[in-house]
Amino acid sequence: MTRSKLVFKNITRKKSRFLFTVFGIAVGIASLVTLLSLGAGLESQVRKQSEQLGAELVVTPKGWCAYEQISVLTGETLPEAIPNEDVEKVAAVPGVTAIPYLVQRTAIKNQPVPVVGIEPSRMKAFKGWDIDRGEYLLNEGNVVVGFGIAKQFELNAGDKLTIRGAPFRLNGILKEVGNRDDLAIYMDLATAQKLYQVRDMVSFIAVRVDDITQIDKYSAEIQERANVAVVSDKQLVRSVLAIVGTVRNTLQMIAAVAILAACFGIINTMMTAIHERKREIGILQALGAKRRAIFTLFLYESAFYGLVGGVIGMVLGFGFSYFAAPYIGQNEFTAFLGSAESAKVFSLDVMGEAIFFSVLVASLSGIYPALQASKLSPVEAISYE
């Protein structure tokens, strides 16, 4: 009988014990894989949304916290704190294109939906939007919506919408672009300011520069001219990912507790197996098996537990992350996970890391039991009843 067959026969001898031990490992690995998968998806979406914002600089009110910086990327409601006067000062800086945003919220069929006040012609040129249905006309009584909103609420050009108690005609539906632009209602900036009673304020300004190598110069000049703060797209991403990383690391530590519990389960299973197989170990020694052979035999058994548990945990983890992402993404902090793309992180790296980690942990857990087995005296082991 080969060593691999002997390992398989030994660990499946007690099927219920084998299953409970394997699933103990699988639960810990599944939780780890879920967090790695969702974390990778979230990071990917943060970078994607930053790139598709189309700006190298974001002008914000002074004193904004990281949560509000996240909201720039997620499209959540933002406080209005930059006056049109400062927007004009920023736009007057040579070599920049400044696009103001006023981000508010309404509801369609009792579901919250972002409302974004924009300068229609400049925003269309800035984003490169195309119309899927209807026409691109935004004025006091007309709005357009993103493709995702139209699909979610089954809207068509010509439909009537009520926003903050005022009637609007849905004049057009934008072509799908695959980012947060698909998930908002767009109206003329002046109309939005009047509707939401924010006077001449906007939430933030997206700035595209002509010369990316002079970005520090542009940032300094903007802050000299207007009473605002300026953050680059890279700084914005770093700020958001720092928060995401802290939360993810905390959750991974919780997952590590589950894996640690599984380690003690492996040790307990292997020690019980050694106790039950003392006579078998003695016979192997009497037939010439070296201590090293006994040690590696039990170490392989532990590693096999890790391999099987790791594969099951990997499948469960990816499955949970795929189906859970849309539900987890129903809040502002994890809003990126609401998109289908962010959940589809079947990374070969994550798969390989999960299985390797599972086998490694199981092997380390099996060292002590394997040493105990290899130290048994042949006479004591054979005489064991």
Protein backbone atom coordinates (compact mmCIF):
# COMPACT_ATOMS: atom_id res chain seq x y z
CA MET A 1 0.00 0.00 0.00
CA THR A 2 1.42 3.40 -0.99
CA ARG A 3 1.82 6.18 1.56
CA SER A 4 -0.93 8.29 -0.04
CA LYS A 5 -3.41 5.43 0.10
CA LEU A 6 -2.44 4.70 3.71
CA VAL A 7 -2.96 8.38 4.65
CA PHE A 8 -6.38 8.44 2.98
CA LYS A 9 -7.44 5.17 4.62
CA ASN A 10 -6.35 6.33 8.07
CA ILE A 11 -8.08 9.72 8.07
CA THR A 12 -11.35 8.40 6.61
CA ARG A 13 -11.48 5.51 9.07
CA LYS A 14 -13.69 7.60 11.35
CA LYS A 15 -15.86 9.39 8.80
CA SER A 16 -17.77 11.63 11.19
CA ARG A 17 -14.52 12.80 12.84
CA PHE A 18 -13.01 13.43 9.41
CA LEU A 19 -15.99 15.51 8.26
CA PHE A 20 -16.20 17.63 11.42
CA THR A 21 -12.47 18.36 11.32
CA VAL A 22 -12.52 19.24 7.62
CA PHE A 23 -15.52 21.53 7.98
CA GLY A 24 -13.90 23.24 10.95
CA ILE A 25 -11.01 24.18 8.65
CA ALA A 26 -13.38 25.01 5.79
CA VAL A 27 -15.32 27.55 7.86
CA GLY A 28 -12.16 29.45 8.79
CA ILE A 29 -10.79 29.40 5.23
CA ALA A 30 -14.20 30.36 3.78
CA SER A 31 -14.37 33.44 6.00
CA LEU A 32 -10.82 34.41 5.02
CA VAL A 33 -11.48 33.89 1.29
CA THR A 34 -14.72 35.89 1.51
CA LEU A 35 -12.89 38.84 3.05
CA LEU A 36 -9.99 38.63 0.59
CA SER A 37 -12.36 38.37 -2.37
CA LEU A 38 -14.64 41.22 -1.30
CA GLY A 39 -11.62 43.31 -0.28
CA ALA A 40 -10.00 42.82 -3.68
CA GLY A 41 -13.30 43.67 -5.36
CA LEU A 42 -13.71 46.81 -3.30
CA GLU A 43 -10.15 47.96 -4.00
CA SER A 44 -10.65 47.33 -7.71
CA GLN A 45 -13.84 49.39 -7.73
CA VAL A 46 -12.24 52.25 -5.79
CA ARG A 47 -9.49 52.50 -8.41
CA LYS A 48 -11.97 52.12 -11.27
CA GLN A 49 -14.30 54.83 -9.99
CA SER A 50 -11.36 57.18 -9.43
CA GLU A 51 -10.17 56.68 -13.01
CA GLN A 52 -13.66 57.17 -14.42
CA LEU A 53 -14.23 60.34 -12.42
CA GLY A 54 -12.15 61.84 -15.22
CA ALA A 55 -10.29 64.30 -13.01
CA GLU A 56 -6.74 64.60 -11.70
CA LEU A 57 -7.80 66.92 -8.85
CA VAL A 58 -10.91 67.12 -6.67
CA VAL A 59 -11.71 70.45 -5.05
CA THR A 60 -13.59 70.06 -1.76
CA PRO A 61 -14.65 72.29 1.13
CA LYS A 62 -11.99 72.66 3.82
CA GLY A 63 -12.34 70.19 6.69
CA TRP A 64 -13.87 67.29 4.77
CA CYS A 65 -13.29 63.92 6.43
CA ALA A 66 -12.41 60.62 4.75
CA TYR A 67 -16.07 59.52 4.76
CA GLU A 68 -16.99 62.47 2.55
CA GLN A 69 -14.04 61.72 0.28
CA ILE A 70 -15.40 58.19 -0.14
CA SER A 71 -18.76 59.70 -1.05
CA VAL A 72 -17.16 61.56 -3.98
CA LEU A 73 -16.51 58.14 -5.52
CA THR A 74 -19.70 56.38 -4.41
CA GLY A 75 -22.13 59.10 -5.43
CA GLU A 76 -23.71 59.44 -1.98
CA THR A 77 -25.27 62.67 -0.73
CA LEU A 78 -22.69 65.34 0.08
CA PRO A 79 -22.94 68.63 1.97
CA GLU A 80 -23.05 71.74 -0.22
CA ALA A 81 -20.31 74.12 0.91
CA ILE A 82 -18.53 75.61 -2.12
CA PRO A 83 -20.15 78.83 -3.45
CA ASN A 84 -20.40 79.54 -7.19
CA GLU A 85 -17.96 82.38 -6.60
CA ASP A 86 -15.24 79.87 -5.70
CA VAL A 87 -16.24 77.68 -8.66
CA GLU A 88 -15.59 80.63 -10.96
CA LYS A 89 -12.23 81.32 -9.29
CA VAL A 90 -11.15 77.69 -9.79
CA ALA A 91 -12.35 77.70 -13.41
CA ALA A 92 -10.31 80.88 -14.02
CA VAL A 93 -7.00 79.12 -13.25
CA PRO A 94 -5.14 78.75 -16.58
CA GLY A 95 -4.76 75.18 -17.81
CA VAL A 96 -7.65 73.57 -15.90
CA THR A 97 -11.17 72.40 -16.70
CA ALA A 98 -13.43 72.71 -13.64
CA ILE A 99 -16.73 70.81 -13.44
CA PRO A 100 -18.98 71.49 -10.41
CA TYR A 101 -21.20 68.81 -8.82
CA LEU A 102 -24.14 69.21 -6.48
CA VAL A 103 -24.95 65.77 -5.05
CA GLN A 104 -28.32 65.30 -3.37
CA ARG A 105 -30.88 62.50 -3.10
CA THR A 106 -34.47 61.65 -3.93
CA ALA A 107 -36.54 58.46 -4.00
CA ILE A 108 -38.16 56.40 -6.76
CA LYS A 109 -40.64 53.77 -5.57
CA ASN A 110 -39.33 54.29 -2.03
CA GLN A 111 -35.76 53.51 -3.12
CA PRO A 112 -33.06 56.17 -2.57
CA VAL A 113 -31.52 57.54 -5.77
CA PRO A 114 -28.73 60.15 -6.14
CA VAL A 115 -29.62 63.44 -7.83
CA VAL A 116 -26.65 65.26 -9.36
CA GLY A 117 -26.81 68.90 -10.38
CA ILE A 118 -24.49 69.58 -13.33
CA GLU A 119 -23.72 72.06 -16.08
CA PRO A 120 -25.22 69.98 -18.94
CA SER A 121 -23.10 70.83 -21.99
CA ARG A 122 -19.79 70.97 -20.11
CA MET A 123 -20.45 67.72 -18.26
CA LYS A 124 -21.37 65.88 -21.49
CA ALA A 125 -18.10 66.98 -23.09
CA PHE A 126 -16.12 66.21 -19.91
CA LYS A 127 -17.53 62.68 -19.52
CA GLY A 128 -18.08 61.83 -23.18
CA TRP A 129 -21.65 60.66 -22.52
CA ASP A 130 -23.92 59.38 -25.29
CA ILE A 131 -27.70 59.06 -25.28
CA ASP A 132 -29.31 55.63 -25.44
CA ARG A 133 -32.93 56.83 -25.72
CA GLY A 134 -34.55 60.24 -25.96
CA GLU A 135 -32.44 63.39 -26.10
CA TYR A 136 -29.90 65.13 -23.89
CA LEU A 137 -31.90 68.11 -22.69
CA LEU A 138 -31.64 69.41 -19.13
CA ASN A 139 -33.48 72.55 -18.10
CA GLU A 140 -35.94 73.66 -15.46
CA GLY A 141 -38.45 70.88 -16.20
CA ASN A 142 -36.34 68.12 -17.80
CA VAL A 143 -33.85 65.57 -16.49
CA VAL A 144 -31.86 62.62 -17.80
CA VAL A 145 -30.99 59.42 -15.94
CA GLY A 146 -28.21 56.86 -16.02
CA PHE A 147 -28.75 53.54 -17.76
CA GLY A 148 -28.76 51.58 -14.50
CA ILE A 149 -31.52 53.72 -12.95
CA ALA A 150 -33.67 53.38 -16.08
CA LYS A 151 -33.21 49.61 -16.04
CA GLN A 152 -33.81 49.22 -12.30
CA PHE A 153 -37.06 51.22 -12.27
CA GLU A 154 -38.17 50.39 -15.85
CA LEU A 155 -38.10 54.03 -16.96
CA ASN A 156 -38.42 55.29 -20.52
CA ALA A 157 -37.91 58.65 -22.20
CA GLY A 158 -41.03 60.75 -21.76
CA ASP A 159 -41.91 59.36 -18.31
CA LYS A 160 -42.87 61.71 -15.50
CA LEU A 161 -40.81 61.88 -12.30
CA THR A 162 -41.49 63.66 -9.05
CA ILE A 163 -38.36 64.98 -7.34
CA ARG A 164 -38.71 66.72 -4.01
CA GLY A 165 -42.39 67.34 -4.76
CA ALA A 166 -41.74 68.95 -8.16
CA PRO A 167 -42.75 67.33 -11.50
CA PHE A 168 -40.04 66.60 -14.10
CA ARG A 169 -40.04 65.01 -17.52
CA LEU A 170 -37.52 62.26 -18.16
CA ASN A 171 -36.06 63.57 -21.39
CA GLY A 172 -33.33 61.03 -22.04
CA ILE A 173 -31.47 57.93 -20.85
CA LEU A 174 -27.68 57.82 -21.03
CA LYS A 175 -25.84 54.92 -22.63
CA GLU A 176 -24.38 52.43 -20.18
CA VAL A 177 -20.84 53.32 -19.08
CA GLY A 178 -20.30 50.68 -16.38
CA ASN A 179 -19.68 52.96 -13.40
CA ARG A 180 -21.55 55.12 -10.88
CA ASP A 181 -22.68 57.45 -13.67
CA ASP A 182 -25.25 54.78 -14.53
CA LEU A 183 -26.89 55.14 -11.11
CA ALA A 184 -28.03 58.75 -10.83
CA ILE A 185 -30.56 61.32 -12.00
CA TYR A 186 -29.00 64.39 -13.64
CA MET A 187 -30.52 67.86 -13.70
CA ASP A 188 -29.37 71.37 -14.53
CA LEU A 189 -27.21 72.78 -11.70
CA ALA A 190 -29.23 75.97 -11.23
CA THR A 191 -32.46 73.94 -11.10
CA ALA A 192 -30.99 71.58 -8.50
CA GLN A 193 -29.75 74.46 -6.35
CA LYS A 194 -33.21 76.05 -6.40
CA LEU A 195 -35.03 72.73 -5.81
CA TYR A 196 -32.87 71.75 -2.82
CA GLN A 197 -32.69 75.34 -1.51
CA VAL A 198 -28.89 75.46 -1.30
CA ARG A 199 -28.58 78.95 -2.79
CA ASP A 200 -25.50 79.06 -5.07
CA MET A 201 -23.58 76.19 -3.42
CA VAL A 202 -22.06 73.02 -4.93
CA SER A 203 -20.68 69.87 -3.26
CA PHE A 204 -17.32 69.52 -4.99
CA ILE A 205 -15.47 70.36 -8.20
CA ALA A 206 -13.76 67.84 -10.48
CA VAL A 207 -10.69 69.36 -12.13
CA ARG A 208 -8.87 68.11 -15.20
CA VAL A 209 -5.46 69.66 -15.86
CA ASP A 210 -3.70 70.26 -19.18
CA ASP A 211 -0.23 69.30 -17.91
CA ILE A 212 -0.18 66.39 -15.44
CA THR A 213 3.49 67.08 -14.57
CA GLN A 214 2.46 70.46 -13.08
CA ILE A 215 -0.28 69.11 -10.85
CA ASP A 216 1.27 70.50 -7.65
CA LYS A 217 1.43 73.95 -9.22
CA TYR A 218 -2.25 73.79 -10.21
CA SER A 219 -3.22 72.61 -6.73
CA ALA A 220 -1.35 75.45 -5.03
CA GLU A 221 -2.81 78.08 -7.35
CA ILE A 222 -6.37 76.84 -6.81
CA GLN A 223 -5.93 77.07 -3.04
CA GLU A 224 -4.46 80.56 -3.35
CA ARG A 225 -7.41 81.82 -5.38
CA ALA A 226 -10.28 80.11 -3.49
CA ASN A 227 -11.01 79.14 0.11
CA VAL A 228 -11.04 75.39 -0.64
CA ALA A 229 -9.06 72.19 -0.15
CA VAL A 230 -7.59 70.23 -3.06
CA VAL A 231 -6.88 66.49 -3.19
CA SER A 232 -5.39 64.61 -6.12
CA ASP A 233 -7.07 61.50 -7.50
CA LYS A 234 -4.17 59.40 -6.18
CA GLN A 235 -4.45 60.94 -2.70
CA LEU A 236 -8.20 60.31 -2.77
CA VAL A 237 -7.66 56.65 -3.61
CA ARG A 238 -4.98 56.26 -0.92
CA SER A 239 -7.24 57.86 1.68
CA VAL A 240 -10.15 55.57 0.84
CA LEU A 241 -7.99 52.43 0.62
CA ALA A 242 -6.39 53.21 3.99
CA ILE A 243 -9.82 53.03 5.64
CA VAL A 244 -10.79 49.96 3.63
CA GLY A 245 -7.51 48.28 4.58
CA THR A 246 -7.99 48.95 8.30
CA VAL A 247 -11.49 47.49 8.29
CA ARG A 248 -10.39 44.52 6.18
CA ASN A 249 -7.44 43.75 8.47
CA THR A 250 -9.72 43.83 11.51
CA LEU A 251 -12.14 41.40 9.88
CA GLN A 252 -9.28 39.13 8.81
CA MET A 253 -8.12 38.96 12.44
CA ILE A 254 -11.61 37.76 13.34
CA ALA A 255 -11.35 35.13 10.59
CA ALA A 256 -7.96 34.11 12.01
CA VAL A 257 -9.67 33.23 15.31
CA ALA A 258 -11.86 30.74 13.43
CA ILE A 259 -8.78 29.26 11.77
CA LEU A 260 -7.00 29.04 15.14
CA ALA A 261 -9.97 27.10 16.53
CA ALA A 262 -9.70 24.75 13.56
CA CYS A 263 -5.99 24.22 14.37
CA PHE A 264 -6.85 22.98 17.85
CA GLY A 265 -9.46 20.74 16.24
CA ILE A 266 -6.76 19.16 14.06
CA ILE A 267 -4.45 18.67 17.05
CA ASN A 268 -7.25 17.04 19.02
CA THR A 269 -8.19 14.77 16.10
CA MET A 270 -4.60 13.68 15.51
CA MET A 271 -3.88 13.04 19.21
CA THR A 272 -7.03 10.92 19.42
CA ALA A 273 -6.00 9.03 16.29
CA ILE A 274 -2.53 8.34 17.75
CA HIS A 275 -4.08 7.05 20.97
CA GLU A 276 -6.36 4.71 19.02
CA ARG A 277 -3.60 3.50 16.67
CA LYS A 278 -0.80 2.84 19.15
CA ARG A 279 -0.72 -0.83 18.35
CA GLU A 280 -0.65 -0.12 14.61
CA ILE A 281 2.28 2.28 15.12
CA GLY A 282 4.13 -0.40 17.11
CA ILE A 283 3.61 -2.96 14.33
CA LEU A 284 4.97 -0.49 11.75
CA GLN A 285 8.04 0.06 13.93
CA ALA A 286 8.52 -3.69 14.38
CA LEU A 287 8.43 -4.08 10.58
CA GLY A 288 11.28 -1.59 10.27
CA ALA A 289 9.55 1.76 9.93
CA LYS A 290 11.83 4.56 11.11
CA ARG A 291 10.71 7.36 13.40
CA ARG A 292 11.00 9.74 10.46
CA ALA A 293 8.56 7.62 8.46
CA ILE A 294 6.05 7.60 11.34
CA PHE A 295 6.46 11.37 11.72
CA THR A 296 5.91 12.12 8.01
CA LEU A 297 2.93 9.74 7.87
CA PHE A 298 1.02 11.69 10.53
CA LEU A 299 2.22 15.02 9.16
CA TYR A 300 0.83 14.08 5.75
CA GLU A 301 -2.48 13.22 7.38
CA SER A 302 -2.66 16.69 8.93
CA ALA A 303 -1.74 18.31 5.61
CA PHE A 304 -4.46 16.31 3.87
CA TYR A 305 -7.03 17.71 6.30
CA GLY A 306 -5.79 21.17 5.35
CA LEU A 307 -5.94 20.45 1.62
CA VAL A 308 -9.50 19.13 1.67
CA GLY A 309 -10.68 21.84 4.10
CA GLY A 310 -8.95 24.52 2.03
CA VAL A 311 -10.60 23.47 -1.23
CA ILE A 312 -14.05 23.31 0.39
CA GLY A 313 -13.48 26.62 2.18
CA MET A 314 -12.31 28.28 -1.03
CA VAL A 315 -15.47 27.22 -2.89
CA LEU A 316 -17.72 28.32 0.00
CA GLY A 317 -15.86 31.63 0.36
CA PHE A 318 -16.09 32.58 -3.32
CA GLY A 319 -19.72 31.50 -3.43
CA PHE A 320 -20.62 33.59 -0.40
CA SER A 321 -18.73 36.66 -1.64
CA TYR A 322 -20.45 36.44 -5.03
CA PHE A 323 -24.00 36.20 -3.67
CA ALA A 324 -23.51 38.41 -0.61
CA ALA A 325 -21.82 41.37 -2.30
CA PRO A 326 -25.01 43.08 -3.56
CA TYR A 327 -26.51 42.91 -0.05
CA ILE A 328 -23.33 44.05 1.71
CA GLY A 329 -23.17 46.95 -0.73
CA GLN A 330 -26.43 48.52 0.46
CA ASN A 331 -24.61 51.08 2.62
CA GLU A 332 -22.43 54.05 1.76
CA PHE A 333 -19.11 52.61 2.90
CA THR A 334 -19.35 49.46 0.78
CA ALA A 335 -21.45 50.91 -2.02
CA PHE A 336 -18.91 49.75 -4.63
CA LEU A 337 -19.83 46.15 -3.86
CA GLY A 338 -23.33 46.72 -5.18
CA SER A 339 -22.05 46.22 -8.71
CA ALA A 340 -21.83 42.75 -10.15
CA GLU A 341 -18.27 43.28 -11.36
CA SER A 342 -16.91 43.92 -7.88
CA ALA A 343 -18.06 40.50 -6.64
CA LYS A 344 -16.51 38.54 -9.49
CA VAL A 345 -13.05 38.27 -8.04
CA PHE A 346 -12.19 34.64 -8.78
CA SER A 347 -8.50 35.41 -8.49
CA LEU A 348 -5.99 32.62 -8.99
CA ASP A 349 -3.78 34.38 -6.43
CA VAL A 350 -6.51 34.28 -3.78
CA MET A 351 -7.25 30.62 -4.60
CA GLY A 352 -3.59 29.66 -4.36
CA GLU A 353 -3.03 31.64 -1.15
CA ALA A 354 -6.11 30.11 0.49
CA ILE A 355 -5.13 26.51 -0.24
CA PHE A 356 -1.46 27.09 0.61
CA PHE A 357 -2.38 28.78 3.89
CA SER A 358 -4.81 25.99 4.79
CA VAL A 359 -2.24 23.24 4.13
CA LEU A 360 0.46 25.21 5.97
CA VAL A 361 -1.68 25.80 9.06
CA ALA A 362 -2.85 22.19 9.14
CA SER A 363 0.73 20.94 8.74
CA LEU A 364 1.98 23.14 11.57
CA SER A 365 -0.88 21.90 13.72
CA GLY A 366 0.15 18.33 12.98
CA ILE A 367 3.79 18.69 14.03
CA TYR A 368 3.22 18.07 17.75
CA PRO A 369 0.99 15.00 17.28
CA ALA A 370 3.39 13.61 14.66
CA LEU A 371 6.34 14.04 17.06
CA GLN A 372 4.41 12.25 19.80
CA ALA A 373 3.65 9.37 17.44
CA SER A 374 7.27 9.06 16.32
CA LYS A 375 8.49 8.93 19.96
CA LEU A 376 6.37 5.93 20.93
CA SER A 377 8.34 2.88 22.11
CA PRO A 378 7.72 -0.19 19.86
CA VAL A 379 7.27 -2.47 22.91
CA GLU A 380 4.84 -0.04 24.58
CA ALA A 381 2.92 0.46 21.35
CA ILE A 382 2.54 -3.25 20.45
CA SER A 383 1.49 -4.17 23.99
CA TYR A 384 -1.21 -1.46 24.00
CA GLU A 385 -4.73 -2.91 24.17
